[in-house]
Structure formats: structure tokens, C-alpha cells
Amino acid sequence: MLVTNLLALALASLAVAETQHDARANIGGTLYRQDNFRGESRRLEEGRCISLTGPLRDEVRSIRVSPRSDCYLYFQENCRGGPRRQERSNNRIRFTRVRSARCVRDR
């Protein structure tokens, strides 16, 4: 009986770990309101356009880009208006007026 319970617990733990890994695998990048990846943040799912609201709108100061991803920062909502490509993490973005963003798996 004890062996059966331990086996069930081990399988359940494995399933939870895989689900968490899959969730992290879909994150293309993270935007931050302050330099050096600090302050308010917003995760960007792969392939999804995010229009920014609240404290990050027009106030993006740094971005952490996931491996094998490229992120595009836009000056207008709905991923329009001259994207700036971010191929790697940037701890101090010089153009802060960002209203939407999208990350895609590139490499």
C-alpha cells in the first residue's frame, strides 16, 4: 500500500513539474518599468501581441528576452507603429515610449 501511494505521489509531482516547464517555455520575454530588470513587470507570451496598460505604458525601461526568442516593441497599440527588435536582454532601453509588444521564437 505504501509503495502504491509513493508511486502515485511521484507521478503527480512529475506532472506538475512538466506543466510548470511548459508554461515557462511559452514566455518570450519580460518587460520592466525600471532599468536593470526592476520594478513593475509584464511577461510576454510567445506569438501574442500585448497592448500595454497601466504603469508600463510608455514607461518600458528594460527587457529580458528568453533564449531563442526575439521581441518587438511597438510605439502604437495592437503591435503597430515601427517595431524595434530586441534580440537579447537589454537592461537600459533608450526609447521608452512603448505601447505594445510581441515576442516570437526565432532561433
Protein backbone atom coordinates (compact mmCIF):
# COMPACT_ATOMS: atom_id res chain seq x y z
CA MET A 1 0.00 0.00 0.00
CA LEU A 2 2.80 2.42 0.91
CA VAL A 3 4.63 1.72 -2.37
CA THR A 4 1.45 2.44 -4.34
CA ASN A 5 0.96 5.76 -2.53
CA LEU A 6 4.56 6.78 -3.13
CA LEU A 7 4.30 5.89 -6.81
CA ALA A 8 1.11 7.94 -7.18
CA LEU A 9 2.72 10.91 -5.42
CA ALA A 10 5.81 10.69 -7.63
CA LEU A 11 3.73 10.64 -10.82
CA ALA A 12 1.64 13.60 -9.64
CA SER A 13 4.80 15.59 -8.85
CA LEU A 14 6.20 14.82 -12.29
CA ALA A 15 3.00 16.02 -13.99
CA VAL A 16 3.07 19.32 -12.07
CA ALA A 17 6.74 19.88 -12.91
CA GLU A 18 6.08 19.31 -16.63
CA THR A 19 3.16 21.77 -16.58
CA GLN A 20 5.33 24.45 -14.96
CA HIS A 21 8.11 23.84 -17.50
CA ASP A 22 5.64 24.13 -20.40
CA ALA A 23 4.30 27.42 -19.00
CA ARG A 24 7.82 28.88 -18.76
CA ALA A 25 8.66 27.63 -22.25
CA ASN A 26 5.92 29.88 -23.70
CA ILE A 27 7.36 33.09 -22.20
CA GLY A 28 9.29 35.02 -24.85
CA GLY A 29 10.34 37.92 -22.67
CA THR A 30 9.58 40.19 -19.74
CA LEU A 31 9.22 43.98 -19.80
CA TYR A 32 10.24 46.09 -16.79
CA ARG A 33 9.39 49.64 -15.76
CA GLN A 34 12.87 50.36 -14.36
CA ASP A 35 16.42 49.87 -15.59
CA ASN A 36 18.24 46.65 -14.71
CA PHE A 37 15.12 44.43 -14.82
CA ARG A 38 13.47 46.01 -11.78
CA GLY A 39 10.07 47.42 -10.90
CA GLU A 40 6.66 46.59 -12.35
CA SER A 41 6.90 43.83 -14.96
CA ARG A 42 4.85 42.08 -17.62
CA ARG A 43 5.60 38.69 -19.15
CA LEU A 44 5.18 38.32 -22.89
CA GLU A 45 3.84 35.03 -24.23
CA GLU A 46 5.36 33.75 -27.46
CA GLY A 47 3.45 34.91 -30.55
CA ARG A 48 0.91 37.04 -28.69
CA CYS A 49 0.61 40.81 -29.15
CA ILE A 50 0.21 42.59 -25.81
CA SER A 51 -1.06 46.18 -25.70
CA LEU A 52 0.35 47.75 -22.55
CA THR A 53 -1.80 49.48 -19.96
CA GLY A 54 -1.15 50.85 -16.51
CA PRO A 55 2.33 51.68 -15.24
CA LEU A 56 4.25 50.07 -18.14
CA ARG A 57 2.53 52.04 -20.90
CA ASP A 58 5.12 54.49 -22.28
CA GLU A 59 7.48 53.56 -19.42
CA VAL A 60 9.38 50.42 -20.50
CA ARG A 61 12.98 50.76 -19.29
CA SER A 62 14.38 47.22 -19.66
CA ILE A 63 13.54 43.87 -21.24
CA ARG A 64 14.67 40.33 -20.54
CA VAL A 65 14.49 38.24 -23.74
CA SER A 66 14.26 34.45 -23.44
CA PRO A 67 16.78 32.27 -25.28
CA ARG A 68 15.82 31.55 -28.90
CA SER A 69 13.32 34.44 -28.91
CA ASP A 70 13.19 37.90 -30.44
CA CYS A 71 10.89 40.57 -29.05
CA TYR A 72 9.46 43.53 -30.94
CA LEU A 73 8.48 46.76 -29.19
CA TYR A 74 5.89 49.00 -30.89
CA PHE A 75 5.01 52.68 -30.49
CA GLN A 76 1.27 52.07 -31.02
CA GLU A 77 -1.33 49.67 -29.66
CA ASN A 78 -2.01 46.31 -31.32
CA CYS A 79 1.61 45.87 -32.44
CA ARG A 80 1.61 48.68 -34.97
CA GLY A 81 3.96 51.59 -35.48
CA GLY A 82 7.60 50.94 -36.23
CA PRO A 83 8.78 47.95 -34.23
CA ARG A 84 12.16 47.91 -32.51
CA ARG A 85 13.66 44.44 -32.49
CA GLN A 86 15.25 43.16 -29.28
CA GLU A 87 17.33 40.04 -29.93
CA ARG A 88 18.75 39.88 -26.41
CA SER A 89 18.09 41.23 -22.96
CA ASN A 90 18.61 44.97 -22.56
CA ASN A 91 18.96 46.46 -19.09
CA ARG A 92 18.52 50.06 -20.26
CA ILE A 93 16.19 50.80 -23.16
CA ARG A 94 16.76 54.26 -24.60
CA PHE A 95 13.35 54.59 -26.28
CA THR A 96 10.77 54.17 -23.54
CA ARG A 97 7.55 55.05 -25.38
CA VAL A 98 6.32 51.50 -25.87
CA ARG A 99 2.60 50.79 -26.20
CA SER A 100 2.60 47.15 -27.33
CA ALA A 101 4.99 44.22 -27.70
CA ARG A 102 5.27 40.75 -29.21
CA CYS A 103 7.91 38.02 -28.83
CA VAL A 104 8.46 35.24 -31.35
CA ARG A 105 10.63 32.14 -31.33
CA ASP A 106 13.38 32.88 -33.81
CA ARG A 107 16.37 30.66 -33.17
